[in-house]
Amino acid sequence: MNMELIFDVGAIIIADLILSGDNALIIGMAAAGLSPGLRAKAIVFGMVIAALLRVVFAVIATTLLGIPGLLFVGGLLLCWVCWRLYSEIRGNVDAKAELALEAAGDSHAGYTGAPRRTLASALWTITLADVSMSLDNVLAVAAIADGDVRLLVFGLALAILLMAFAATIIMKILARYQWISWVGLLVLVYVAGEMLFRGVFDINYGVGPMLGLIEGMDFGKGH
């Protein structure tokens, strides 16, 4: 296994970890607002919705990043993801997500009265929030995978497994060891920078060669 592949695998793992916080927070908060009998269903359905959105966005992102000029746009979007992640770290989102998930899983915590909102309305809230959050995760993984289908599938499968089976544990770890999130942010900033550089100078996909401004360079990568 070469060093580049090791870096890519490590980057995907940490991206999946640190970008799962906002998903967990929204799902936990929406579920905690339901009566105890509906919470488990809301959490399960919320995870399924997030997983399906990731698959759909992955297909779209992989296709779009292969179009000349859009690699640069993807780099700009990844910069936006970095800014959102920075704001979330400063706002201690992981600790809030941990509390929300624990409240949703405790029948004596959160809202315990008669149902005041339907499961459908909670899932609608989760779905709307999941659209942007899943796009964040997929964009980061697609940028790191760089056209390697195996890495892309690995990243998506890992994200889905983490959400389904380890969301609360992950939130506890990230809330306790915040430096992990900062390391993840630095990794994503590096990936965004590389993506922007190639989005300008790549001979096949960069905006520079496409507009005839520069000759371009061959990076020998998928995109």
Protein backbone atom coordinates (compact mmCIF):
# COMPACT_ATOMS: atom_id res chain seq x y z
CA MET A 1 0.00 0.00 0.00
CA ASN A 2 1.62 3.29 -1.11
CA MET A 3 1.69 6.42 1.02
CA GLU A 4 -0.82 8.30 -1.13
CA LEU A 5 -3.39 5.54 -0.68
CA ILE A 6 -2.74 5.45 3.08
CA PHE A 7 -3.27 9.22 3.27
CA ASP A 8 -6.48 9.00 1.22
CA VAL A 9 -7.92 6.20 3.37
CA GLY A 10 -6.99 8.06 6.56
CA ALA A 11 -8.44 11.32 5.21
CA ILE A 12 -11.72 9.62 4.32
CA ILE A 13 -12.01 8.03 7.76
CA ILE A 14 -11.44 11.30 9.59
CA ALA A 15 -13.75 13.19 7.19
CA ASP A 16 -16.54 10.69 7.85
CA LEU A 17 -15.98 11.04 11.59
CA ILE A 18 -15.93 14.81 11.87
CA LEU A 19 -18.70 15.45 9.33
CA SER A 20 -21.16 13.18 11.14
CA GLY A 21 -21.74 15.64 13.99
CA ASP A 22 -24.34 17.86 12.36
CA ASN A 23 -26.27 14.84 11.05
CA ALA A 24 -26.35 13.32 14.53
CA LEU A 25 -27.44 16.62 16.08
CA ILE A 26 -30.42 17.12 13.74
CA ILE A 27 -31.56 13.50 13.97
CA GLY A 28 -31.18 13.49 17.77
CA MET A 29 -33.00 16.78 18.26
CA ALA A 30 -35.87 15.84 15.93
CA ALA A 31 -36.25 12.45 17.62
CA ALA A 32 -36.02 13.87 21.16
CA GLY A 33 -38.98 16.13 20.38
CA LEU A 34 -41.17 13.11 19.70
CA SER A 35 -42.94 10.93 22.23
CA PRO A 36 -40.73 8.02 23.42
CA GLY A 37 -42.63 5.46 21.33
CA LEU A 38 -41.73 7.19 18.07
CA ARG A 39 -38.09 8.06 18.76
CA ALA A 40 -36.50 4.77 17.72
CA LYS A 41 -38.37 4.86 14.41
CA ALA A 42 -37.34 8.47 13.78
CA ILE A 43 -33.67 7.67 14.45
CA VAL A 44 -33.69 4.59 12.19
CA PHE A 45 -35.58 6.31 9.36
CA GLY A 46 -33.37 9.38 9.73
CA MET A 47 -30.25 7.25 9.30
CA VAL A 48 -31.75 5.50 6.25
CA ILE A 49 -32.64 8.85 4.64
CA ALA A 50 -29.13 10.15 5.25
CA ALA A 51 -27.63 6.97 3.76
CA LEU A 52 -29.80 7.13 0.61
CA LEU A 53 -28.99 10.81 0.09
CA ARG A 54 -25.28 10.03 0.32
CA VAL A 55 -25.54 7.39 -2.41
CA VAL A 56 -27.50 9.72 -4.71
CA PHE A 57 -25.15 12.66 -4.14
CA ALA A 58 -22.10 10.43 -4.63
CA VAL A 59 -23.25 9.43 -8.12
CA ILE A 60 -23.98 13.07 -9.00
CA ALA A 61 -20.75 14.47 -7.50
CA THR A 62 -18.52 11.87 -9.15
CA THR A 63 -20.09 12.62 -12.54
CA LEU A 64 -19.95 16.39 -12.18
CA LEU A 65 -16.33 16.51 -10.97
CA GLY A 66 -15.33 14.80 -14.21
CA ILE A 67 -16.65 17.72 -16.28
CA PRO A 68 -13.96 20.26 -17.24
CA GLY A 69 -14.26 23.42 -15.13
CA LEU A 70 -16.37 21.93 -12.35
CA LEU A 71 -13.39 20.66 -10.37
CA PHE A 72 -12.70 24.29 -9.45
CA VAL A 73 -16.34 24.78 -8.42
CA GLY A 74 -16.08 21.64 -6.29
CA GLY A 75 -13.01 23.10 -4.60
CA LEU A 76 -14.94 26.26 -3.75
CA LEU A 77 -17.78 24.19 -2.32
CA LEU A 78 -15.31 22.20 -0.24
CA CYS A 79 -13.98 25.51 1.14
CA TRP A 80 -17.55 26.24 2.22
CA VAL A 81 -17.68 22.83 3.91
CA CYS A 82 -14.48 23.72 5.76
CA TRP A 83 -15.98 27.01 6.94
CA ARG A 84 -19.12 25.24 8.17
CA LEU A 85 -17.01 22.67 9.99
CA TYR A 86 -14.95 25.44 11.59
CA SER A 87 -18.16 27.11 12.80
CA GLU A 88 -19.42 23.81 14.19
CA ILE A 89 -16.20 23.13 16.08
CA ARG A 90 -16.34 26.63 17.58
CA GLY A 91 -20.02 26.05 18.42
CA ASN A 92 -19.28 22.70 20.13
CA VAL A 93 -21.78 20.88 17.90
CA ASP A 94 -20.42 17.42 18.81
CA ALA A 95 -21.20 17.88 22.51
CA LYS A 96 -24.71 19.09 21.64
CA ALA A 97 -25.20 16.11 19.32
CA GLU A 98 -24.08 13.73 22.06
CA LEU A 99 -26.70 15.16 24.46
CA ALA A 100 -29.41 15.10 21.79
CA LEU A 101 -28.78 11.45 20.91
CA GLU A 102 -28.71 10.44 24.57
CA ALA A 103 -32.00 12.27 25.20
CA ALA A 104 -33.57 10.60 22.18
CA GLY A 105 -32.50 7.18 23.43
CA ASP A 106 -33.76 7.75 26.99
CA SER A 107 -37.51 7.28 27.39
CA HIS A 108 -37.42 9.50 30.50
CA ALA A 109 -35.54 12.36 28.83
CA GLY A 110 -36.55 14.79 26.11
CA TYR A 111 -40.25 15.23 25.47
CA THR A 112 -42.29 12.60 27.31
CA GLY A 113 -45.88 13.81 26.92
CA ALA A 114 -48.52 12.92 24.37
CA PRO A 115 -47.42 13.12 20.71
CA ARG A 116 -47.30 16.79 19.68
CA ARG A 117 -45.86 16.23 16.22
CA THR A 118 -46.10 13.31 13.82
CA LEU A 119 -43.30 10.98 12.79
CA ALA A 120 -43.74 12.26 9.22
CA SER A 121 -43.11 15.88 10.25
CA ALA A 122 -39.98 14.86 12.18
CA LEU A 123 -38.68 12.93 9.17
CA TRP A 124 -39.39 15.90 6.90
CA THR A 125 -37.27 18.08 9.19
CA ILE A 126 -34.49 15.47 9.16
CA THR A 127 -34.65 15.09 5.36
CA LEU A 128 -34.38 18.82 4.70
CA ALA A 129 -31.37 19.09 7.01
CA ASP A 130 -29.81 15.90 5.61
CA VAL A 131 -29.73 17.31 2.08
CA SER A 132 -26.99 19.84 2.84
CA MET A 133 -25.25 17.67 5.44
CA SER A 134 -25.05 14.63 3.16
CA LEU A 135 -23.74 16.84 0.36
CA ASP A 136 -20.94 18.03 2.69
CA ASN A 137 -19.87 14.48 3.47
CA VAL A 138 -20.10 13.22 -0.10
CA LEU A 139 -18.23 16.19 -1.55
CA ALA A 140 -15.36 15.67 0.89
CA VAL A 141 -15.17 11.92 0.22
CA ALA A 142 -15.48 12.37 -3.57
CA ALA A 143 -12.69 14.98 -3.53
CA ILE A 144 -10.38 12.66 -1.58
CA ALA A 145 -11.31 9.56 -3.64
CA ASP A 146 -10.54 11.55 -6.82
CA GLY A 147 -12.25 9.18 -9.21
CA ASP A 148 -11.21 5.98 -7.40
CA VAL A 149 -14.47 4.04 -7.14
CA ARG A 150 -13.09 1.74 -4.42
CA LEU A 151 -12.24 4.69 -2.18
CA LEU A 152 -15.60 6.32 -2.87
CA VAL A 153 -17.52 3.14 -1.98
CA PHE A 154 -15.35 2.69 1.13
CA GLY A 155 -16.04 6.26 2.25
CA LEU A 156 -19.79 6.00 1.72
CA ALA A 157 -20.06 2.59 3.37
CA LEU A 158 -18.04 3.79 6.36
CA ALA A 159 -20.16 6.94 6.75
CA ILE A 160 -23.36 4.89 6.69
CA LEU A 161 -22.03 2.30 9.16
CA LEU A 162 -20.80 5.00 11.54
CA MET A 163 -24.17 6.74 11.48
CA ALA A 164 -26.10 3.52 11.96
CA PHE A 165 -24.07 1.88 14.72
CA ALA A 166 -21.70 4.33 16.37
CA ALA A 167 -23.15 7.84 16.20
CA THR A 168 -23.41 8.33 19.98
CA ILE A 169 -19.93 6.88 20.62
CA ILE A 170 -18.40 9.11 17.93
CA MET A 171 -20.04 12.19 19.41
CA LYS A 172 -18.68 11.31 22.85
CA ILE A 173 -15.15 10.93 21.47
CA LEU A 174 -15.26 14.14 19.43
CA ALA A 175 -16.78 16.10 22.31
CA ARG A 176 -14.06 14.88 24.69
CA TYR A 177 -11.12 15.14 22.28
CA GLN A 178 -11.83 18.24 20.22
CA TRP A 179 -8.34 18.20 18.70
CA ILE A 180 -9.51 15.34 16.45
CA SER A 181 -11.96 17.74 14.80
CA TRP A 182 -9.25 20.37 14.35
CA VAL A 183 -6.96 17.79 12.70
CA GLY A 184 -9.83 16.77 10.44
CA LEU A 185 -10.43 20.39 9.51
CA LEU A 186 -6.76 20.80 8.54
CA VAL A 187 -6.99 17.69 6.36
CA LEU A 188 -10.06 19.03 4.58
CA VAL A 189 -8.43 22.45 4.10
CA TYR A 190 -5.47 20.69 2.46
CA VAL A 191 -7.80 18.65 0.21
CA ALA A 192 -9.76 21.80 -0.71
CA GLY A 193 -6.54 23.64 -1.54
CA GLU A 194 -5.29 20.81 -3.73
CA MET A 195 -8.69 20.60 -5.42
CA LEU A 196 -8.68 24.34 -6.17
CA PHE A 197 -5.10 24.20 -7.51
CA ARG A 198 -5.93 21.35 -9.84
CA GLY A 199 -9.22 23.03 -10.69
CA VAL A 200 -7.20 25.89 -12.13
CA PHE A 201 -4.13 24.17 -13.62
CA ASP A 202 -5.20 20.60 -14.54
CA ILE A 203 -4.73 20.20 -18.30
CA ASN A 204 -7.89 18.09 -18.64
CA TYR A 205 -10.24 19.54 -16.06
CA GLY A 206 -8.86 22.97 -15.03
CA VAL A 207 -10.52 26.28 -15.85
CA GLY A 208 -7.15 27.77 -16.88
CA PRO A 209 -6.50 25.45 -19.86
CA MET A 210 -10.23 25.36 -20.66
CA LEU A 211 -10.31 29.16 -21.08
CA GLY A 212 -6.97 29.19 -22.89
CA LEU A 213 -5.30 31.24 -20.14
CA ILE A 214 -2.53 28.75 -19.37
CA GLU A 215 -1.08 25.60 -20.91
CA GLY A 216 -1.96 23.44 -17.92
CA MET A 217 -0.29 20.56 -16.12
CA ASP A 218 -0.93 16.82 -16.20
CA PHE A 219 -1.47 15.62 -12.63
CA GLY A 220 -1.95 12.01 -13.69
CA LYS A 221 -5.05 11.59 -11.48
CA GLY A 222 -8.65 10.56 -12.11
CA HIS A 223 -9.94 14.13 -12.15
